[in-house]
Each structure stands twice: as C-alpha cells, then as structure tokens.
Amino acid sequence: MGKEYKQLSVEERSVIAVGLGQGLSWRAIADLLGRPVSTVSREINRNAGAQGYVPHEAVARCKKRKVLA
C-alpha cells in the first residue's frame, strides 16, 4: 500500500515560514521537512496572501474546516 497521508503540523508550517524568510528554495525546505516538494509548494500556494506565507493563518483555516483538532 501507499504511504499514509499526514497533514502538515504547526511546527512544519513554522519551518516553511522560516525557510521562506531565509530565502530557501521550496526544494530545500522540503528536504528539511522530509516531505515532497509538491507538498511544500501546495501549502505555500494555498496559504500565501498579500503578506506572504503566514503559518498561523494556515492553521486557523485548517481548524475552521476541522482538519486539525
């Protein structure tokens, strides 16, 4: 069977935000997290707004949709 899908944690979203702030590529951030680049790119594209990627807003949206407890 394939791998079990697991949501990004708050800590992983924070790593993405810090990595972006440091100018890391999506691939470098994905390598740090041990995640596919596509996961990182989707997370950034879904949750980046006018102020850039803000991890706590992404978490708030997930909680609103009841994806995270």
N, C-alpha and C. Protein backbone atom coordinates (compact mmCIF):
# COMPACT_ATOMS: atom_id res chain seq x y z
N MET A 1 0.83 -1.19 0.00
CA MET A 1 0.00 0.00 0.00
C MET A 1 0.87 1.25 0.00
N GLY A 2 0.28 2.39 -0.32
CA GLY A 2 1.00 3.66 -0.34
C GLY A 2 1.18 4.21 1.07
N LYS A 3 1.87 5.32 1.13
CA LYS A 3 2.10 5.97 2.42
C LYS A 3 0.80 6.59 2.92
N GLU A 4 0.68 6.64 4.23
CA GLU A 4 -0.48 7.28 4.84
C GLU A 4 -0.30 8.79 4.73
N TYR A 5 -1.35 9.49 4.31
CA TYR A 5 -1.30 10.95 4.20
C TYR A 5 -1.36 11.55 5.59
N LYS A 6 -0.49 12.50 5.83
CA LYS A 6 -0.45 13.17 7.13
C LYS A 6 -0.43 14.68 6.90
N GLN A 7 -1.31 15.39 7.59
CA GLN A 7 -1.36 16.85 7.49
C GLN A 7 -0.05 17.46 7.99
N LEU A 8 0.27 18.62 7.47
CA LEU A 8 1.42 19.35 7.98
C LEU A 8 1.12 19.81 9.41
N SER A 9 2.09 19.68 10.27
CA SER A 9 1.92 20.13 11.65
C SER A 9 2.19 21.63 11.75
N VAL A 10 1.86 22.17 12.89
CA VAL A 10 2.13 23.59 13.15
C VAL A 10 3.64 23.83 13.06
N GLU A 11 4.42 22.90 13.59
CA GLU A 11 5.88 23.04 13.56
C GLU A 11 6.41 23.02 12.12
N GLU A 12 5.86 22.14 11.30
CA GLU A 12 6.29 22.08 9.90
C GLU A 12 5.93 23.37 9.16
N ARG A 13 4.77 23.92 9.46
CA ARG A 13 4.38 25.19 8.84
C ARG A 13 5.31 26.31 9.28
N SER A 14 5.75 26.26 10.53
CA SER A 14 6.71 27.25 11.02
C SER A 14 8.05 27.12 10.30
N VAL A 15 8.48 25.89 10.05
CA VAL A 15 9.73 25.66 9.31
C VAL A 15 9.61 26.24 7.91
N ILE A 16 8.45 26.08 7.29
CA ILE A 16 8.24 26.65 5.95
C ILE A 16 8.36 28.16 6.01
N ALA A 17 7.74 28.79 6.99
CA ALA A 17 7.78 30.25 7.11
C ALA A 17 9.21 30.74 7.33
N VAL A 18 9.94 30.07 8.22
CA VAL A 18 11.32 30.48 8.49
C VAL A 18 12.18 30.27 7.25
N GLY A 19 12.01 29.14 6.59
CA GLY A 19 12.77 28.85 5.37
C GLY A 19 12.54 29.87 4.29
N LEU A 20 11.28 30.26 4.11
CA LEU A 20 10.98 31.29 3.12
C LEU A 20 11.62 32.62 3.51
N GLY A 21 11.58 32.93 4.80
CA GLY A 21 12.20 34.16 5.29
C GLY A 21 13.71 34.18 5.08
N GLN A 22 14.32 33.01 5.09
CA GLN A 22 15.77 32.90 4.88
C GLN A 22 16.11 32.79 3.40
N GLY A 23 15.10 32.79 2.55
CA GLY A 23 15.35 32.72 1.11
C GLY A 23 15.63 31.32 0.59
N LEU A 24 15.26 30.29 1.37
CA LEU A 24 15.48 28.92 0.91
C LEU A 24 14.51 28.57 -0.22
N SER A 25 14.94 27.69 -1.08
CA SER A 25 14.07 27.21 -2.15
C SER A 25 13.03 26.26 -1.57
N TRP A 26 11.97 26.03 -2.34
CA TRP A 26 10.96 25.08 -1.90
C TRP A 26 11.57 23.69 -1.74
N ARG A 27 12.50 23.34 -2.62
CA ARG A 27 13.16 22.03 -2.54
C ARG A 27 13.97 21.91 -1.24
N ALA A 28 14.69 22.96 -0.88
CA ALA A 28 15.49 22.94 0.35
C ALA A 28 14.58 22.80 1.57
N ILE A 29 13.46 23.49 1.56
CA ILE A 29 12.51 23.40 2.67
C ILE A 29 11.93 21.99 2.74
N ALA A 30 11.57 21.44 1.59
CA ALA A 30 11.03 20.08 1.54
C ALA A 30 12.05 19.08 2.08
N ASP A 31 13.31 19.26 1.73
CA ASP A 31 14.37 18.37 2.23
C ASP A 31 14.48 18.47 3.75
N LEU A 32 14.38 19.68 4.30
CA LEU A 32 14.43 19.86 5.75
C LEU A 32 13.29 19.12 6.45
N LEU A 33 12.13 19.14 5.81
CA LEU A 33 10.94 18.52 6.40
C LEU A 33 10.83 17.03 6.10
N GLY A 34 11.57 16.57 5.11
CA GLY A 34 11.42 15.18 4.68
C GLY A 34 10.10 14.96 3.97
N ARG A 35 9.65 15.99 3.26
CA ARG A 35 8.37 15.96 2.54
C ARG A 35 8.63 16.18 1.06
N PRO A 36 7.69 15.76 0.21
CA PRO A 36 7.83 16.05 -1.22
C PRO A 36 7.74 17.56 -1.49
N VAL A 37 8.42 18.00 -2.52
CA VAL A 37 8.37 19.42 -2.90
C VAL A 37 6.94 19.84 -3.20
N SER A 38 6.17 18.94 -3.79
CA SER A 38 4.78 19.27 -4.14
C SER A 38 3.96 19.62 -2.90
N THR A 39 4.22 18.98 -1.78
CA THR A 39 3.51 19.28 -0.54
C THR A 39 3.82 20.70 -0.09
N VAL A 40 5.09 21.05 -0.13
CA VAL A 40 5.51 22.39 0.29
C VAL A 40 4.95 23.44 -0.66
N SER A 41 5.02 23.19 -1.95
CA SER A 41 4.53 24.18 -2.92
C SER A 41 3.02 24.37 -2.79
N ARG A 42 2.28 23.29 -2.59
CA ARG A 42 0.82 23.42 -2.41
C ARG A 42 0.50 24.21 -1.15
N GLU A 43 1.22 23.92 -0.07
CA GLU A 43 0.99 24.64 1.19
C GLU A 43 1.24 26.14 1.01
N ILE A 44 2.33 26.48 0.36
CA ILE A 44 2.66 27.90 0.16
C ILE A 44 1.63 28.55 -0.75
N ASN A 45 1.30 27.91 -1.85
CA ASN A 45 0.34 28.50 -2.79
C ASN A 45 -1.05 28.64 -2.19
N ARG A 46 -1.46 27.72 -1.36
CA ARG A 46 -2.79 27.79 -0.75
C ARG A 46 -2.87 28.84 0.34
N ASN A 47 -1.76 29.09 1.03
CA ASN A 47 -1.82 29.90 2.24
C ASN A 47 -0.95 31.15 2.20
N ALA A 48 -0.53 31.55 1.03
CA ALA A 48 0.22 32.80 0.90
C ALA A 48 -0.74 33.88 0.42
N GLY A 49 -0.76 34.96 1.13
CA GLY A 49 -1.61 36.08 0.75
C GLY A 49 -0.79 37.31 0.45
N ALA A 50 -1.38 38.45 0.63
CA ALA A 50 -0.71 39.71 0.35
C ALA A 50 0.52 39.91 1.24
N GLN A 51 0.48 39.35 2.45
CA GLN A 51 1.60 39.49 3.38
C GLN A 51 2.58 38.33 3.27
N GLY A 52 2.41 37.48 2.30
CA GLY A 52 3.27 36.31 2.17
C GLY A 52 2.68 35.13 2.93
N TYR A 53 3.50 34.12 3.16
CA TYR A 53 3.05 32.92 3.86
C TYR A 53 3.02 33.18 5.35
N VAL A 54 1.87 32.96 5.96
CA VAL A 54 1.70 33.17 7.40
C VAL A 54 1.18 31.86 8.00
N PRO A 55 2.04 31.10 8.70
CA PRO A 55 1.64 29.77 9.16
C PRO A 55 0.45 29.75 10.11
N HIS A 56 0.34 30.73 11.01
CA HIS A 56 -0.78 30.67 11.95
C HIS A 56 -2.12 30.89 11.26
N GLU A 57 -2.13 31.62 10.14
CA GLU A 57 -3.37 31.77 9.37
C GLU A 57 -3.73 30.47 8.68
N ALA A 58 -2.73 29.74 8.20
CA ALA A 58 -2.97 28.44 7.57
C ALA A 58 -3.57 27.48 8.60
N VAL A 59 -3.03 27.48 9.81
CA VAL A 59 -3.55 26.61 10.87
C VAL A 59 -4.98 27.01 11.22
N ALA A 60 -5.24 28.30 11.29
CA ALA A 60 -6.59 28.77 11.62
C ALA A 60 -7.59 28.30 10.56
N ARG A 61 -7.20 28.35 9.28
CA ARG A 61 -8.09 27.88 8.22
C ARG A 61 -8.34 26.38 8.35
N CYS A 62 -7.31 25.62 8.70
CA CYS A 62 -7.49 24.18 8.88
C CYS A 62 -8.41 23.88 10.04
N LYS A 63 -8.26 24.61 11.13
CA LYS A 63 -9.12 24.39 12.29
C LYS A 63 -10.56 24.75 11.96
N LYS A 64 -10.73 25.81 11.18
CA LYS A 64 -12.07 26.23 10.79
C LYS A 64 -12.75 25.15 9.97
N ARG A 65 -11.96 24.48 9.12
CA ARG A 65 -12.50 23.39 8.30
C ARG A 65 -12.50 22.07 9.06
N LYS A 66 -12.05 22.11 10.32
CA LYS A 66 -11.99 20.95 11.21
C LYS A 66 -11.05 19.87 10.67
N VAL A 67 -9.96 20.30 10.00
CA VAL A 67 -8.95 19.36 9.54
C VAL A 67 -8.00 19.07 10.68
N LEU A 68 -7.68 20.08 11.49
CA LEU A 68 -6.82 19.90 12.66
C LEU A 68 -7.68 20.01 13.91
N ALA A 69 -7.33 19.23 14.91
CA ALA A 69 -8.09 19.30 16.17
C ALA A 69 -7.54 20.39 17.06
